[in-house]
Amino acid sequence: MHAPRSLQAGFTYIGLLVAVVILGLMLTAASRVWSVSEQRERETQLLFVGDEIRMAISGYYAHGHRYPQTLQDLLQDDRSPVPVRYLRRVYLDPMTNSADWKPVPAPEGGIKGVYSGSGLTPIKRANFPPIDAFFADSDCYCAWQFVYEPRFRGRVAPGIPAPGNPAPGNPAPGNPAPGSPAPGGPAPGIPVPGNLNGQ
């Protein structure tokens, strides 16, 4: 008489084990989905923050034709009588959750860009804006370098000359400076992609 009860208890035990295994698999799958979703969100933040820092560096460079020595220089530029702020704060690296950005050194000194120290493989593999086209198929986020590179280093930024008196470094109307781009060409100081070697 006790055999059927033992058999029933055995089936109940097996059923519980199967339920636990299924629950575990579901939790694992949910965890993976959540992890991928979180990484995508951090990735989007990295692209936004990196571009903000790049544009701040471009503003700093346009103001005095020098790169900042540190990111702190972007918070308050005292090179003119009225201090200029290019960033409100130094953003955290979304991938590492720290402000430990890796600098991309400029040949003439200072930093011309930054990149994340994360070694994770990006989820986004394509469809980047033109300025970040070289991010495609990168092995790690550390290859996403947000670099500002002036198109024409030799040209002086146009000032506001007095009437009939062109500013130094600016040719008179109708006489383009040697080596300057043809009319209709890109304006100097447009952010362009850097290279992966940080040179």
Protein backbone atom coordinates (compact mmCIF):
# COMPACT_ATOMS: atom_id res chain seq x y z
CA MET A 1 0.00 0.00 0.00
CA HIS A 2 2.93 2.34 0.54
CA ALA A 3 4.42 1.84 -2.95
CA PRO A 4 1.96 4.15 -4.78
CA ARG A 5 2.61 6.98 -2.27
CA SER A 6 6.39 6.63 -2.69
CA LEU A 7 5.99 6.67 -6.45
CA GLN A 8 3.79 9.76 -6.23
CA ALA A 9 6.35 11.49 -3.99
CA GLY A 10 9.09 10.61 -6.48
CA PHE A 11 7.15 12.17 -9.36
CA THR A 12 6.51 15.27 -7.26
CA TYR A 13 10.22 15.58 -6.49
CA ILE A 14 11.14 15.20 -10.19
CA GLY A 15 8.48 17.77 -11.10
CA LEU A 16 9.95 20.25 -8.63
CA LEU A 17 13.45 19.69 -10.03
CA VAL A 18 12.21 20.29 -13.58
CA ALA A 19 10.40 23.46 -12.45
CA VAL A 20 13.56 24.74 -10.73
CA VAL A 21 15.65 24.04 -13.85
CA ILE A 22 13.13 25.82 -16.09
CA LEU A 23 12.97 28.77 -13.70
CA GLY A 24 16.76 28.94 -13.66
CA LEU A 25 16.92 28.95 -17.45
CA MET A 26 14.29 31.69 -17.63
CA LEU A 27 16.16 33.81 -15.10
CA THR A 28 19.42 33.30 -17.01
CA ALA A 29 17.78 34.37 -20.27
CA ALA A 30 16.19 37.40 -18.60
CA SER A 31 19.53 38.33 -17.08
CA ARG A 32 21.23 38.19 -20.47
CA VAL A 33 18.54 40.32 -22.07
CA TRP A 34 18.82 42.87 -19.26
CA SER A 35 22.61 42.88 -19.53
CA VAL A 36 22.53 43.47 -23.30
CA SER A 37 19.91 46.19 -22.88
CA GLU A 38 22.01 47.92 -20.22
CA GLN A 39 25.12 47.71 -22.41
CA ARG A 40 23.25 49.26 -25.33
CA GLU A 41 22.14 52.13 -23.10
CA ARG A 42 25.68 52.71 -21.85
CA GLU A 43 26.92 52.54 -25.44
CA THR A 44 24.47 55.26 -26.48
CA GLN A 45 25.59 57.41 -23.56
CA LEU A 46 29.25 56.88 -24.52
CA LEU A 47 28.59 58.13 -28.06
CA PHE A 48 26.79 61.20 -26.73
CA VAL A 49 29.30 62.07 -24.00
CA GLY A 50 32.30 61.40 -26.25
CA ASP A 51 30.91 63.76 -28.87
CA GLU A 52 30.26 66.42 -26.20
CA ILE A 53 33.89 66.23 -25.08
CA ARG A 54 35.13 66.33 -28.69
CA MET A 55 33.06 69.46 -29.40
CA ALA A 56 34.34 71.07 -26.19
CA ILE A 57 37.91 70.40 -27.32
CA SER A 58 37.10 71.94 -30.72
CA GLY A 59 35.76 75.07 -28.99
CA TYR A 60 38.87 75.32 -26.82
CA TYR A 61 41.12 74.93 -29.85
CA ALA A 62 39.19 77.49 -31.91
CA HIS A 63 39.54 80.00 -29.07
CA GLY A 64 43.34 79.95 -28.98
CA HIS A 65 44.71 77.39 -31.47
CA ARG A 66 45.98 75.18 -28.66
CA TYR A 67 44.67 71.93 -27.29
CA PRO A 68 43.72 71.68 -23.62
CA GLN A 69 46.29 70.06 -21.35
CA THR A 70 43.58 68.24 -19.36
CA LEU A 71 39.82 67.90 -19.43
CA GLN A 72 39.70 70.27 -16.47
CA ASP A 73 40.79 73.04 -18.86
CA LEU A 74 37.44 72.66 -20.61
CA LEU A 75 35.54 73.59 -17.47
CA GLN A 76 36.96 77.13 -17.34
CA ASP A 77 39.21 78.71 -19.94
CA ASP A 78 40.98 81.73 -18.43
CA ARG A 79 42.96 82.67 -21.54
CA SER A 80 40.70 85.67 -22.18
CA PRO A 81 39.42 88.43 -19.89
CA VAL A 82 36.04 86.69 -19.75
CA PRO A 83 36.40 83.00 -18.76
CA VAL A 84 34.77 80.54 -21.13
CA ARG A 85 33.22 77.20 -20.17
CA TYR A 86 33.13 74.48 -22.81
CA LEU A 87 31.85 71.76 -20.46
CA ARG A 88 29.71 72.13 -17.35
CA ARG A 89 31.43 69.13 -15.78
CA VAL A 90 33.73 66.29 -16.70
CA TYR A 91 31.38 63.49 -17.62
CA LEU A 92 31.87 59.96 -16.36
CA ASP A 93 32.82 57.27 -18.83
CA PRO A 94 29.52 55.34 -19.07
CA MET A 95 31.32 52.06 -19.71
CA THR A 96 33.56 52.21 -16.63
CA ASN A 97 31.41 54.56 -14.53
CA SER A 98 34.46 56.69 -13.75
CA ALA A 99 36.07 59.89 -15.01
CA ASP A 100 39.22 57.99 -15.95
CA TRP A 101 39.11 58.84 -19.65
CA LYS A 102 42.16 57.84 -21.67
CA PRO A 103 43.66 60.84 -23.49
CA VAL A 104 44.62 60.96 -27.16
CA PRO A 105 47.74 63.16 -27.20
CA ALA A 106 48.18 65.86 -29.82
CA PRO A 107 51.58 66.05 -31.58
CA GLU A 108 52.10 69.65 -30.46
CA GLY A 109 51.08 68.93 -26.86
CA GLY A 110 47.82 68.70 -25.00
CA ILE A 111 45.01 66.26 -25.71
CA LYS A 112 43.02 66.20 -28.93
CA GLY A 113 40.55 63.55 -27.83
CA VAL A 114 39.58 60.84 -25.38
CA TYR A 115 38.50 57.22 -25.36
CA SER A 116 37.06 54.76 -22.89
CA GLY A 117 39.28 52.34 -21.00
CA SER A 118 36.68 49.58 -21.40
CA GLY A 119 37.80 46.40 -23.12
CA LEU A 120 34.24 45.20 -23.77
CA THR A 121 33.27 44.40 -27.34
CA PRO A 122 30.72 46.93 -28.66
CA ILE A 123 27.26 45.76 -29.62
CA LYS A 124 26.90 48.49 -32.24
CA ARG A 125 28.89 47.43 -35.30
CA ALA A 126 27.76 49.80 -38.07
CA ASN A 127 25.61 52.79 -39.05
CA PHE A 128 27.73 55.38 -37.25
CA PRO A 129 27.64 59.05 -38.28
CA PRO A 130 30.40 59.99 -40.78
CA ILE A 131 32.63 61.51 -38.11
CA ASP A 132 32.64 58.17 -36.26
CA ALA A 133 32.65 55.89 -39.31
CA PHE A 134 35.92 54.24 -38.24
CA PHE A 135 34.19 52.91 -35.09
CA ALA A 136 32.59 50.20 -37.24
CA ASP A 137 33.53 46.61 -36.34
CA SER A 138 35.77 47.69 -33.44
CA ASP A 139 37.04 44.99 -31.09
CA CYS A 140 36.59 47.11 -27.95
CA TYR A 141 35.20 50.43 -26.79
CA CYS A 142 38.79 51.57 -26.34
CA ALA A 143 38.93 51.86 -30.16
CA TRP A 144 36.18 54.49 -30.16
CA GLN A 145 38.39 57.59 -30.05
CA PHE A 146 36.55 60.91 -29.92
CA VAL A 147 39.14 63.14 -31.57
CA TYR A 148 39.11 66.74 -32.76
CA GLU A 149 41.50 67.42 -35.63
CA PRO A 150 41.56 70.84 -37.36
CA ARG A 151 41.38 70.44 -41.11
CA PHE A 152 43.84 73.23 -41.84
CA ARG A 153 46.37 73.75 -39.10
CA GLY A 154 48.29 76.43 -41.06
CA ARG A 155 45.35 78.77 -41.46
CA VAL A 156 44.62 81.50 -38.96
CA ALA A 157 41.04 81.74 -37.79
CA PRO A 158 39.35 84.78 -39.36
CA GLY A 159 39.06 87.80 -37.08
CA ILE A 160 37.05 90.98 -37.52
CA PRO A 161 39.39 93.35 -39.38
CA ALA A 162 38.86 97.07 -39.64
CA PRO A 163 37.24 98.20 -42.92
CA GLY A 164 39.79 98.06 -45.74
CA ASN A 165 42.43 96.50 -43.48
CA PRO A 166 42.47 92.68 -43.55
CA ALA A 167 43.46 91.01 -40.31
CA PRO A 168 46.91 89.33 -40.15
CA GLY A 169 46.84 85.97 -41.82
CA ASN A 170 43.70 86.81 -43.84
CA PRO A 171 44.11 87.74 -47.49
CA ALA A 172 42.43 90.70 -49.06
CA PRO A 173 39.15 89.92 -50.84
CA GLY A 174 39.74 88.07 -54.09
CA ASN A 175 43.22 86.87 -53.11
CA PRO A 176 43.06 83.49 -51.39
CA ALA A 177 45.90 82.62 -49.06
CA PRO A 178 48.45 80.10 -50.37
CA GLY A 179 47.42 76.57 -49.51
CA SER A 180 43.88 77.57 -48.58
CA PRO A 181 40.99 75.43 -49.80
CA ALA A 182 39.09 76.33 -52.91
CA PRO A 183 35.93 78.38 -52.43
CA GLY A 184 33.13 76.20 -51.18
CA GLY A 185 35.52 73.83 -49.43
CA PRO A 186 35.12 72.75 -45.79
CA ALA A 187 35.59 75.35 -43.10
CA PRO A 188 38.65 75.03 -40.86
CA GLY A 189 38.31 73.44 -37.47
CA ILE A 190 35.64 70.87 -38.33
CA PRO A 191 35.83 67.82 -36.08
CA VAL A 192 37.02 64.83 -38.09
CA PRO A 193 37.73 61.23 -37.12
CA GLY A 194 41.07 60.59 -35.47
CA ASN A 195 43.05 57.46 -36.04
CA LEU A 196 43.27 54.48 -33.76
CA ASN A 197 46.90 55.06 -32.87
CA GLY A 198 46.15 58.38 -31.22
CA GLN A 199 48.68 60.21 -33.43
